[in-house]
Amino acid sequence: MQKLAYKMKLKPGFEAEYKKRHDEIWPELSEELTAAGVYDYSIFLDEETLTLFAVQKVSDDNTASQLSQTAIVKKWWAYMADIMETNEDNSPKCSELKDVFYHE
């Protein structure tokens, strides 16, 4: 098991819409994440800076790095592009975060 963390940026005024879209996540996207070995996935919002902090666990045999090539993930990115900072291919602008502390 690995734990991955990264940050993204929400556009101003879209806090409620971002939450709504994730509350209604598409079942086929959720299934794709699970099939790729992604689980225990959370996203937190810093309301002062509109920075999104994502943390996910992935299985040792995960294929999470290949998710960006799937049709459902590309469709989700296009769906979310109007409310987040994105790259030209609609993928969210992400920065990986360094793991510096863990307490179990």
PDB file of N, CA and C in Angstrom:
ATOM      1  N   MET A   1       0.840  -1.178   0.000  1.00  0.00           N
ATOM      2  CA  MET A   1       0.000   0.000   0.000  1.00  0.00           C
ATOM      3  C   MET A   1       0.884   1.240   0.000  1.00  0.00           C
ATOM      4  N   GLN A   2       0.516   2.185  -0.823  1.00  0.00           N
ATOM      5  CA  GLN A   2       1.161   3.501  -0.847  1.00  0.00           C
ATOM      6  C   GLN A   2       0.099   4.540  -0.541  1.00  0.00           C
ATOM      7  N   LYS A   3       0.525   5.649   0.016  1.00  0.00           N
ATOM      8  CA  LYS A   3      -0.370   6.780   0.216  1.00  0.00           C
ATOM      9  C   LYS A   3       0.169   7.932  -0.613  1.00  0.00           C
ATOM     10  N   LEU A   4      -0.687   8.514  -1.444  1.00  0.00           N
ATOM     11  CA  LEU A   4      -0.304   9.616  -2.314  1.00  0.00           C
ATOM     12  C   LEU A   4      -1.091  10.857  -1.924  1.00  0.00           C
ATOM     13  N   ALA A   5      -0.451  12.010  -2.046  1.00  0.00           N
ATOM     14  CA  ALA A   5      -1.127  13.265  -1.751  1.00  0.00           C
ATOM     15  C   ALA A   5      -0.721  14.302  -2.788  1.00  0.00           C
ATOM     16  N   TYR A   6      -1.656  15.154  -3.138  1.00  0.00           N
ATOM     17  CA  TYR A   6      -1.373  16.210  -4.098  1.00  0.00           C
ATOM     18  C   TYR A   6      -2.332  17.360  -3.884  1.00  0.00           C
ATOM     19  N   LYS A   7      -2.010  18.492  -4.496  1.00  0.00           N
ATOM     20  CA  LYS A   7      -2.877  19.656  -4.366  1.00  0.00           C
ATOM     21  C   LYS A   7      -3.297  20.135  -5.755  1.00  0.00           C
ATOM     22  N   MET A   8      -4.480  20.751  -5.774  1.00  0.00           N
ATOM     23  CA  MET A   8      -5.065  21.316  -6.983  1.00  0.00           C
ATOM     24  C   MET A   8      -5.674  22.660  -6.591  1.00  0.00           C
ATOM     25  N   LYS A   9      -6.194  23.380  -7.549  1.00  0.00           N
ATOM     26  CA  LYS A   9      -6.726  24.710  -7.266  1.00  0.00           C
ATOM     27  C   LYS A   9      -8.140  24.836  -7.823  1.00  0.00           C
ATOM     28  N   LEU A  10      -9.043  25.308  -6.990  1.00  0.00           N
ATOM     29  CA  LEU A  10     -10.433  25.566  -7.366  1.00  0.00           C
ATOM     30  C   LEU A  10     -10.578  27.018  -7.789  1.00  0.00           C
ATOM     31  N   LYS A  11     -11.426  27.270  -8.774  1.00  0.00           N
ATOM     32  CA  LYS A  11     -11.694  28.647  -9.182  1.00  0.00           C
ATOM     33  C   LYS A  11     -12.640  29.287  -8.162  1.00  0.00           C
ATOM     34  N   PRO A  12     -12.509  30.590  -7.927  1.00  0.00           N
ATOM     35  CA  PRO A  12     -13.353  31.275  -6.941  1.00  0.00           C
ATOM     36  C   PRO A  12     -14.836  31.130  -7.255  1.00  0.00           C
ATOM     37  N   GLY A  13     -15.625  30.926  -6.198  1.00  0.00           N
ATOM     38  CA  GLY A  13     -17.071  30.866  -6.325  1.00  0.00           C
ATOM     39  C   GLY A  13     -17.639  29.491  -6.650  1.00  0.00           C
ATOM     40  N   PHE A  14     -16.782  28.486  -6.747  1.00  0.00           N
ATOM     41  CA  PHE A  14     -17.251  27.160  -7.150  1.00  0.00           C
ATOM     42  C   PHE A  14     -17.135  26.109  -6.036  1.00  0.00           C
ATOM     43  N   GLU A  15     -17.011  26.561  -4.812  1.00  0.00           N
ATOM     44  CA  GLU A  15     -16.853  25.635  -3.699  1.00  0.00           C
ATOM     45  C   GLU A  15     -18.042  24.672  -3.596  1.00  0.00           C
ATOM     46  N   ALA A  16     -19.254  25.204  -3.605  1.00  0.00           N
ATOM     47  CA  ALA A  16     -20.455  24.365  -3.478  1.00  0.00           C
ATOM     48  C   ALA A  16     -20.612  23.455  -4.695  1.00  0.00           C
ATOM     49  N   GLU A  17     -20.325  23.957  -5.870  1.00  0.00           N
ATOM     50  CA  GLU A  17     -20.463  23.156  -7.089  1.00  0.00           C
ATOM     51  C   GLU A  17     -19.458  22.006  -7.101  1.00  0.00           C
ATOM     52  N   TYR A  18     -18.243  22.261  -6.647  1.00  0.00           N
ATOM     53  CA  TYR A  18     -17.232  21.206  -6.583  1.00  0.00           C
ATOM     54  C   TYR A  18     -17.713  20.085  -5.665  1.00  0.00           C
ATOM     55  N   LYS A  19     -18.205  20.457  -4.491  1.00  0.00           N
ATOM     56  CA  LYS A  19     -18.708  19.452  -3.547  1.00  0.00           C
ATOM     57  C   LYS A  19     -19.890  18.700  -4.138  1.00  0.00           C
ATOM     58  N   LYS A  20     -20.805  19.411  -4.765  1.00  0.00           N
ATOM     59  CA  LYS A  20     -21.984  18.789  -5.362  1.00  0.00           C
ATOM     60  C   LYS A  20     -21.580  17.753  -6.410  1.00  0.00           C
ATOM     61  N   ARG A  21     -20.663  18.108  -7.277  1.00  0.00           N
ATOM     62  CA  ARG A  21     -20.240  17.182  -8.333  1.00  0.00           C
ATOM     63  C   ARG A  21     -19.587  15.929  -7.744  1.00  0.00           C
ATOM     64  N   HIS A  22     -18.839  16.094  -6.678  1.00  0.00           N
ATOM     65  CA  HIS A  22     -18.217  14.931  -6.060  1.00  0.00           C
ATOM     66  C   HIS A  22     -19.208  14.126  -5.230  1.00  0.00           C
ATOM     67  N   ASP A  23     -20.205  14.782  -4.658  1.00  0.00           N
ATOM     68  CA  ASP A  23     -21.267  14.047  -3.958  1.00  0.00           C
ATOM     69  C   ASP A  23     -22.036  13.164  -4.936  1.00  0.00           C
ATOM     70  N   GLU A  24     -22.052  13.564  -6.199  1.00  0.00           N
ATOM     71  CA  GLU A  24     -22.775  12.833  -7.241  1.00  0.00           C
ATOM     72  C   GLU A  24     -21.802  12.143  -8.210  1.00  0.00           C
ATOM     73  N   ILE A  25     -20.659  11.713  -7.699  1.00  0.00           N
ATOM     74  CA  ILE A  25     -19.645  11.107  -8.568  1.00  0.00           C
ATOM     75  C   ILE A  25     -20.255   9.974  -9.390  1.00  0.00           C
ATOM     76  N   TRP A  26     -19.852   9.897 -10.618  1.00  0.00           N
ATOM     77  CA  TRP A  26     -20.384   8.884 -11.525  1.00  0.00           C
ATOM     78  C   TRP A  26     -19.966   7.487 -11.059  1.00  0.00           C
ATOM     79  N   PRO A  27     -20.899   6.564 -11.003  1.00  0.00           N
ATOM     80  CA  PRO A  27     -20.551   5.192 -10.582  1.00  0.00           C
ATOM     81  C   PRO A  27     -19.442   4.581 -11.444  1.00  0.00           C
ATOM     82  N   GLU A  28     -19.448   4.850 -12.739  1.00  0.00           N
ATOM     83  CA  GLU A  28     -18.427   4.257 -13.606  1.00  0.00           C
ATOM     84  C   GLU A  28     -17.033   4.832 -13.321  1.00  0.00           C
ATOM     85  N   LEU A  29     -16.963   6.081 -12.858  1.00  0.00           N
ATOM     86  CA  LEU A  29     -15.672   6.657 -12.463  1.00  0.00           C
ATOM     87  C   LEU A  29     -15.198   6.016 -11.163  1.00  0.00           C
ATOM     88  N   SER A  30     -16.092   5.871 -10.230  1.00  0.00           N
ATOM     89  CA  SER A  30     -15.756   5.226  -8.965  1.00  0.00           C
ATOM     90  C   SER A  30     -15.269   3.798  -9.204  1.00  0.00           C
ATOM     91  N   GLU A  31     -15.939   3.074 -10.101  1.00  0.00           N
ATOM     92  CA  GLU A  31     -15.535   1.707 -10.438  1.00  0.00           C
ATOM     93  C   GLU A  31     -14.142   1.688 -11.076  1.00  0.00           C
ATOM     94  N   GLU A  32     -13.860   2.670 -11.933  1.00  0.00           N
ATOM     95  CA  GLU A  32     -12.550   2.743 -12.594  1.00  0.00           C
ATOM     96  C   GLU A  32     -11.439   2.990 -11.569  1.00  0.00           C
ATOM     97  N   LEU A  33     -11.693   3.866 -10.607  1.00  0.00           N
ATOM     98  CA  LEU A  33     -10.710   4.118  -9.547  1.00  0.00           C
ATOM     99  C   LEU A  33     -10.440   2.848  -8.737  1.00  0.00           C
ATOM    100  N   THR A  34     -11.498   2.173  -8.361  1.00  0.00           N
ATOM    101  CA  THR A  34     -11.356   0.943  -7.584  1.00  0.00           C
ATOM    102  C   THR A  34     -10.592  -0.116  -8.370  1.00  0.00           C
ATOM    103  N   ALA A  35     -10.935  -0.270  -9.646  1.00  0.00           N
ATOM    104  CA  ALA A  35     -10.255  -1.263 -10.495  1.00  0.00           C
ATOM    105  C   ALA A  35      -8.769  -0.955 -10.637  1.00  0.00           C
ATOM    106  N   ALA A  36      -8.414   0.324 -10.556  1.00  0.00           N
ATOM    107  CA  ALA A  36      -7.006   0.728 -10.669  1.00  0.00           C
ATOM    108  C   ALA A  36      -6.260   0.601  -9.341  1.00  0.00           C
ATOM    109  N   GLY A  37      -6.968   0.199  -8.284  1.00  0.00           N
ATOM    110  CA  GLY A  37      -6.318   0.014  -6.994  1.00  0.00           C
ATOM    111  C   GLY A  37      -6.320   1.240  -6.106  1.00  0.00           C
ATOM    112  N   VAL A  38      -7.168   2.222  -6.431  1.00  0.00           N
ATOM    113  CA  VAL A  38      -7.278   3.436  -5.620  1.00  0.00           C
ATOM    114  C   VAL A  38      -8.384   3.237  -4.585  1.00  0.00           C
ATOM    115  N   TYR A  39      -8.080   3.522  -3.328  1.00  0.00           N
ATOM    116  CA  TYR A  39      -9.095   3.413  -2.278  1.00  0.00           C
ATOM    117  C   TYR A  39      -8.784   4.416  -1.169  1.00  0.00           C
ATOM    118  N   ASP A  40      -9.709   4.575  -0.253  1.00  0.00           N
ATOM    119  CA  ASP A  40      -9.541   5.516   0.857  1.00  0.00           C
ATOM    120  C   ASP A  40      -9.078   6.869   0.319  1.00  0.00           C
ATOM    121  N   TYR A  41      -9.882   7.448  -0.547  1.00  0.00           N
ATOM    122  CA  TYR A  41      -9.550   8.664  -1.301  1.00  0.00           C
ATOM    123  C   TYR A  41     -10.350   9.819  -0.722  1.00  0.00           C
ATOM    124  N   SER A  42      -9.666  10.859  -0.275  1.00  0.00           N
ATOM    125  CA  SER A  42     -10.314  12.045   0.289  1.00  0.00           C
ATOM    126  C   SER A  42      -9.765  13.298  -0.366  1.00  0.00           C
ATOM    127  N   ILE A  43     -10.614  14.312  -0.474  1.00  0.00           N
ATOM    128  CA  ILE A  43     -10.189  15.622  -0.955  1.00  0.00           C
ATOM    129  C   ILE A  43     -10.666  16.651   0.068  1.00  0.00           C
ATOM    130  N   PHE A  44      -9.755  17.513   0.482  1.00  0.00           N
ATOM    131  CA  PHE A  44     -10.050  18.563   1.454  1.00  0.00           C
ATOM    132  C   PHE A  44      -9.888  19.917   0.783  1.00  0.00           C
ATOM    133  N   LEU A  45     -10.659  20.902   1.226  1.00  0.00           N
ATOM    134  CA  LEU A  45     -10.595  22.255   0.670  1.00  0.00           C
ATOM    135  C   LEU A  45     -10.111  23.241   1.718  1.00  0.00           C
ATOM    136  N   ASP A  46      -9.079  24.002   1.384  1.00  0.00           N
ATOM    137  CA  ASP A  46      -8.666  25.146   2.186  1.00  0.00           C
ATOM    138  C   ASP A  46      -9.470  26.331   1.652  1.00  0.00           C
ATOM    139  N   GLU A  47     -10.479  26.752   2.390  1.00  0.00           N
ATOM    140  CA  GLU A  47     -11.395  27.786   1.908  1.00  0.00           C
ATOM    141  C   GLU A  47     -10.742  29.156   1.757  1.00  0.00           C
ATOM    142  N   GLU A  48      -9.662  29.403   2.464  1.00  0.00           N
ATOM    143  CA  GLU A  48      -8.976  30.690   2.337  1.00  0.00           C
ATOM    144  C   GLU A  48      -8.227  30.815   1.020  1.00  0.00           C
ATOM    145  N   THR A  49      -7.618  29.724   0.567  1.00  0.00           N
ATOM    146  CA  THR A  49      -6.791  29.786  -0.643  1.00  0.00           C
ATOM    147  C   THR A  49      -7.413  29.063  -1.834  1.00  0.00           C
ATOM    148  N   LEU A  50      -8.524  28.353  -1.588  1.00  0.00           N
ATOM    149  CA  LEU A  50      -9.184  27.520  -2.605  1.00  0.00           C
ATOM    150  C   LEU A  50      -8.270  26.405  -3.112  1.00  0.00           C
ATOM    151  N   THR A  51      -7.344  25.998  -2.262  1.00  0.00           N
ATOM    152  CA  THR A  51      -6.481  24.877  -2.590  1.00  0.00           C
ATOM    153  C   THR A  51      -7.164  23.589  -2.150  1.00  0.00           C
ATOM    154  N   LEU A  52      -7.174  22.621  -3.064  1.00  0.00           N
ATOM    155  CA  LEU A  52      -7.723  21.302  -2.786  1.00  0.00           C
ATOM    156  C   LEU A  52      -6.568  20.370  -2.443  1.00  0.00           C
ATOM    157  N   PHE A  53      -6.705  19.619  -1.361  1.00  0.00           N
ATOM    158  CA  PHE A  53      -5.692  18.658  -0.939  1.00  0.00           C
ATOM    159  C   PHE A  53      -6.286  17.263  -1.065  1.00  0.00           C
ATOM    160  N   ALA A  54      -5.711  16.447  -1.907  1.00  0.00           N
ATOM    161  CA  ALA A  54      -6.206  15.091  -2.122  1.00  0.00           C
ATOM    162  C   ALA A  54      -5.239  14.087  -1.512  1.00  0.00           C
ATOM    163  N   VAL A  55      -5.799  13.070  -0.870  1.00  0.00           N
ATOM    164  CA  VAL A  55      -5.021  11.987  -0.287  1.00  0.00           C
ATOM    165  C   VAL A  55      -5.704  10.687  -0.696  1.00  0.00           C
ATOM    166  N   GLN A  56      -4.912   9.763  -1.196  1.00  0.00           N
ATOM    167  CA  GLN A  56      -5.466   8.474  -1.596  1.00  0.00           C
ATOM    168  C   GLN A  56      -4.483   7.372  -1.285  1.00  0.00           C
ATOM    169  N   LYS A  57      -5.025   6.221  -1.005  1.00  0.00           N
ATOM    170  CA  LYS A  57      -4.210   5.027  -0.851  1.00  0.00           C
ATOM    171  C   LYS A  57      -4.348   4.223  -2.134  1.00  0.00           C
ATOM    172  N   VAL A  58      -3.246   3.587  -2.516  1.00  0.00           N
ATOM    173  CA  VAL A  58      -3.261   2.725  -3.697  1.00  0.00           C
ATOM    174  C   VAL A  58      -2.650   1.381  -3.330  1.00  0.00           C
ATOM    175  N   SER A  59      -3.195   0.342  -3.899  1.00  0.00           N
ATOM    176  CA  SER A  59      -2.685  -1.002  -3.649  1.00  0.00           C
ATOM    177  C   SER A  59      -1.289  -1.150  -4.243  1.00  0.00           C
ATOM    178  N   ASP A  60      -0.576  -2.148  -3.760  1.00  0.00           N
ATOM    179  CA  ASP A  60       0.785  -2.377  -4.249  1.00  0.00           C
ATOM    180  C   ASP A  60       0.813  -2.692  -5.744  1.00  0.00           C
ATOM    181  N   ASP A  61      -0.234  -3.318  -6.256  1.00  0.00           N
ATOM    182  CA  ASP A  61      -0.300  -3.675  -7.673  1.00  0.00           C
ATOM    183  C   ASP A  61      -1.201  -2.719  -8.466  1.00  0.00           C
ATOM    184  N   ASN A  62      -1.264  -1.472  -8.040  1.00  0.00           N
ATOM    185  CA  ASN A  62      -2.170  -0.496  -8.654  1.00  0.00           C
ATOM    186  C   ASN A  62      -1.750  -0.130 -10.079  1.00  0.00           C
ATOM    187  N   THR A  63      -2.745   0.370 -10.807  1.00  0.00           N
ATOM    188  CA  THR A  63      -2.513   0.890 -12.162  1.00  0.00           C
ATOM    189  C   THR A  63      -2.979   2.348 -12.225  1.00  0.00           C
ATOM    190  N   ALA A  64      -2.892   3.038 -11.109  1.00  0.00           N
ATOM    191  CA  ALA A  64      -3.380   4.421 -11.010  1.00  0.00           C
ATOM    192  C   ALA A  64      -2.706   5.352 -12.008  1.00  0.00           C
ATOM    193  N   SER A  65      -1.453   5.113 -12.324  1.00  0.00           N
ATOM    194  CA  SER A  65      -0.751   5.986 -13.269  1.00  0.00           C
ATOM    195  C   SER A  65      -1.342   5.906 -14.674  1.00  0.00           C
ATOM    196  N   GLN A  66      -2.119   4.882 -14.944  1.00  0.00           N
ATOM    197  CA  GLN A  66      -2.732   4.719 -16.262  1.00  0.00           C
ATOM    198  C   GLN A  66      -4.140   5.296 -16.334  1.00  0.00           C
ATOM    199  N   LEU A  67      -4.675   5.772 -15.216  1.00  0.00           N
ATOM    200  CA  LEU A  67      -6.037   6.317 -15.205  1.00  0.00           C
ATOM    201  C   LEU A  67      -6.204   7.489 -16.162  1.00  0.00           C
ATOM    202  N   SER A  68      -5.168   8.287 -16.342  1.00  0.00           N
ATOM    203  CA  SER A  68      -5.264   9.465 -17.211  1.00  0.00           C
ATOM    204  C   SER A  68      -5.513   9.095 -18.663  1.00  0.00           C
ATOM    205  N   GLN A  69      -5.331   7.839 -19.010  1.00  0.00           N
ATOM    206  CA  GLN A  69      -5.545   7.381 -20.386  1.00  0.00           C
ATOM    207  C   GLN A  69      -6.958   6.842 -20.608  1.00  0.00           C
ATOM    208  N   THR A  70      -7.754   6.732 -19.551  1.00  0.00           N
ATOM    209  CA  THR A  70      -9.080   6.138 -19.686  1.00  0.00           C
ATOM    210  C   THR A  70     -10.108   7.176 -20.127  1.00  0.00           C
ATOM    211  N   ALA A  71     -11.083   6.707 -20.875  1.00  0.00           N
ATOM    212  CA  ALA A  71     -12.130   7.596 -21.405  1.00  0.00           C
ATOM    213  C   ALA A  71     -12.936   8.249 -20.286  1.00  0.00           C
ATOM    214  N   ILE A  72     -13.254   7.499 -19.225  1.00  0.00           N
ATOM    215  CA  ILE A  72     -14.086   8.053 -18.163  1.00  0.00           C
ATOM    216  C   ILE A  72     -13.354   9.151 -17.398  1.00  0.00           C
ATOM    217  N   VAL A  73     -12.060   8.989 -17.184  1.00  0.00           N
ATOM    218  CA  VAL A  73     -11.291  10.034 -16.489  1.00  0.00           C
ATOM    219  C   VAL A  73     -11.192  11.278 -17.360  1.00  0.00           C
ATOM    220  N   LYS A  74     -10.964  11.115 -18.637  1.00  0.00           N
ATOM    221  CA  LYS A  74     -10.921  12.267 -19.542  1.00  0.00           C
ATOM    222  C   LYS A  74     -12.269  12.981 -19.590  1.00  0.00           C
ATOM    223  N   LYS A  75     -13.347  12.218 -19.546  1.00  0.00           N
ATOM    224  CA  LYS A  75     -14.697  12.806 -19.524  1.00  0.00           C
ATOM    225  C   LYS A  75     -14.909  13.599 -18.224  1.00  0.00           C
ATOM    226  N   TRP A  76     -14.439  13.045 -17.102  1.00  0.00           N
ATOM    227  CA  TRP A  76     -14.551  13.734 -15.798  1.00  0.00           C
ATOM    228  C   TRP A  76     -13.751  15.035 -15.806  1.00  0.00           C
ATOM    229  N   TRP A  77     -12.543  14.972 -16.345  1.00  0.00           N
ATOM    230  CA  TRP A  77     -11.727  16.187 -16.421  1.00  0.00           C
ATOM    231  C   TRP A  77     -12.440  17.269 -17.215  1.00  0.00           C
ATOM    232  N   ALA A  78     -13.040  16.913 -18.331  1.00  0.00           N
ATOM    233  CA  ALA A  78     -13.765  17.898 -19.146  1.00  0.00           C
ATOM    234  C   ALA A  78     -14.946  18.468 -18.360  1.00  0.00           C
ATOM    235  N   TYR A  79     -15.615  17.625 -17.609  1.00  0.00           N
ATOM    236  CA  TYR A  79     -16.750  18.033 -16.779  1.00  0.00           C
ATOM    237  C   TYR A  79     -16.321  19.007 -15.680  1.00  0.00           C
ATOM    238  N   MET A  80     -15.128  18.819 -15.153  1.00  0.00           N
ATOM    239  CA  MET A  80     -14.643  19.647 -14.045  1.00  0.00           C
ATOM    240  C   MET A  80     -13.849  20.869 -14.494  1.00  0.00           C
ATOM    241  N   ALA A  81     -13.490  20.953 -15.753  1.00  0.00           N
ATOM    242  CA  ALA A  81     -12.572  21.996 -16.238  1.00  0.00           C
ATOM    243  C   ALA A  81     -13.080  23.417 -16.032  1.00  0.00           C
ATOM    244  N   ASP A  82     -14.387  23.601 -15.985  1.00  0.00           N
ATOM    245  CA  ASP A  82     -14.913  24.954 -15.829  1.00  0.00           C
ATOM    246  C   ASP A  82     -14.783  25.495 -14.407  1.00  0.00           C
ATOM    247  N   ILE A  83     -14.477  24.641 -13.441  1.00  0.00           N
ATOM    248  CA  ILE A  83     -14.425  25.101 -12.054  1.00  0.00           C
ATOM    249  C   ILE A  83     -13.063  24.923 -11.381  1.00  0.00           C
ATOM    250  N   MET A  84     -12.085  24.399 -12.131  1.00  0.00           N
ATOM    251  CA  MET A  84     -10.753  24.169 -11.583  1.00  0.00           C
ATOM    252  C   MET A  84      -9.691  24.718 -12.516  1.00  0.00           C
ATOM    253  N   GLU A  85      -8.513  24.964 -11.978  1.00  0.00           N
ATOM    254  CA  GLU A  85      -7.378  25.299 -12.834  1.00  0.00           C
ATOM    255  C   GLU A  85      -6.922  24.011 -13.509  1.00  0.00           C
ATOM    256  N   THR A  86      -6.802  24.055 -14.848  1.00  0.00           N
ATOM    257  CA  THR A  86      -6.486  22.847 -15.596  1.00  0.00           C
ATOM    258  C   THR A  86      -5.374  23.081 -16.608  1.00  0.00           C
ATOM    259  N   ASN A  87      -4.839  21.981 -17.084  1.00  0.00           N
ATOM    260  CA  ASN A  87      -3.885  21.990 -18.186  1.00  0.00           C
ATOM    261  C   ASN A  87      -4.666  21.992 -19.500  1.00  0.00           C
ATOM    262  N   GLU A  88      -3.956  22.078 -20.615  1.00  0.00           N
ATOM    263  CA  GLU A  88      -4.616  22.138 -21.922  1.00  0.00           C
ATOM    264  C   GLU A  88      -5.472  20.914 -22.214  1.00  0.00           C
ATOM    265  N   ASP A  89      -5.121  19.760 -21.655  1.00  0.00           N
ATOM    266  CA  ASP A  89      -5.904  18.541 -21.892  1.00  0.00           C
ATOM    267  C   ASP A  89      -7.038  18.368 -20.881  1.00  0.00           C
ATOM    268  N   ASN A  90      -7.350  19.411 -20.125  1.00  0.00           N
ATOM    269  CA  ASN A  90      -8.386  19.443 -19.082  1.00  0.00           C
ATOM    270  C   ASN A  90      -7.985  18.738 -17.795  1.00  0.00           C
ATOM    271  N   SER A  91      -6.823  18.116 -17.744  1.00  0.00           N
ATOM    272  CA  SER A  91      -6.397  17.509 -16.489  1.00  0.00           C
ATOM    273  C   SER A  91      -6.165  18.612 -15.469  1.00  0.00           C
ATOM    274  N   PRO A  92      -6.486  18.349 -14.209  1.00  0.00           N
ATOM    275  CA  PRO A  92      -6.261  19.375 -13.196  1.00  0.00           C
ATOM    276  C   PRO A  92      -4.772  19.670 -13.029  1.00  0.00           C
ATOM    277  N   LYS A  93      -4.458  20.931 -12.826  1.00  0.00           N
ATOM    278  CA  LYS A  93      -3.076  21.275 -12.488  1.00  0.00           C
ATOM    279  C   LYS A  93      -2.823  20.729 -11.089  1.00  0.00           C
ATOM    280  N   CYS A  94      -1.899  19.794 -10.989  1.00  0.00           N
ATOM    281  CA  CYS A  94      -1.615  19.090  -9.732  1.00  0.00           C
ATOM    282  C   CYS A  94      -0.160  19.227  -9.350  1.00  0.00           C
ATOM    283  N   SER A  95       0.064  19.255  -8.068  1.00  0.00           N
ATOM    284  CA  SER A  95       1.411  19.185  -7.520  1.00  0.00           C
ATOM    285  C   SER A  95       1.407  18.085  -6.470  1.00  0.00           C
ATOM    286  N   GLU A  96       2.328  17.140  -6.595  1.00  0.00           N
ATOM    287  CA  GLU A  96       2.440  16.107  -5.576  1.00  0.00           C
ATOM    288  C   GLU A  96       2.971  16.717  -4.288  1.00  0.00           C
ATOM    289  N   LEU A  97       2.507  16.183  -3.184  1.00  0.00           N
ATOM    290  CA  LEU A  97       2.945  16.653  -1.870  1.00  0.00           C
ATOM    291  C   LEU A  97       3.857  15.606  -1.236  1.00  0.00           C
ATOM    292  N   LYS A  98       4.871  16.077  -0.567  1.00  0.00           N
ATOM    293  CA  LYS A  98       5.851  15.220   0.085  1.00  0.00           C
ATOM    294  C   LYS A  98       5.313  14.751   1.434  1.00  0.00           C
ATOM    295  N   ASP A  99       5.435  13.493   1.697  1.00  0.00           N
ATOM    296  CA  ASP A  99       5.025  12.902   2.965  1.00  0.00           C
ATOM    297  C   ASP A  99       6.076  13.224   4.022  1.00  0.00           C
ATOM    298  N   VAL A 100       5.700  13.954   5.060  1.00  0.00           N
ATOM    299  CA  VAL A 100       6.676  14.318   6.099  1.00  0.00           C
ATOM    300  C   VAL A 100       6.308  13.811   7.492  1.00  0.00           C
ATOM    301  N   PHE A 101       5.071  13.353   7.687  1.00  0.00           N
ATOM    302  CA  PHE A 101       4.680  12.847   9.005  1.00  0.00           C
ATOM    303  C   PHE A 101       3.468  11.957   8.869  1.00  0.00           C
ATOM    304  N   TYR A 102       3.449  10.905   9.679  1.00  0.00           N
ATOM    305  CA  TYR A 102       2.291  10.000   9.724  1.00  0.00           C
ATOM    306  C   TYR A 102       2.170   9.465  11.131  1.00  0.00           C
ATOM    307  N   HIS A 103       0.960   9.424  11.638  1.00  0.00           N
ATOM    308  CA  HIS A 103       0.685   8.836  12.948  1.00  0.00           C
ATOM    309  C   HIS A 103      -0.478   7.878  12.805  1.00  0.00           C
ATOM    310  N   GLU A 104      -0.278   6.637  13.203  1.00  0.00           N
ATOM    311  CA  GLU A 104      -1.348   5.643  13.090  1.00  0.00           C
ATOM    312  C   GLU A 104      -1.950   5.396  14.437  1.00  0.00           C
TER     313      GLU A 104
END
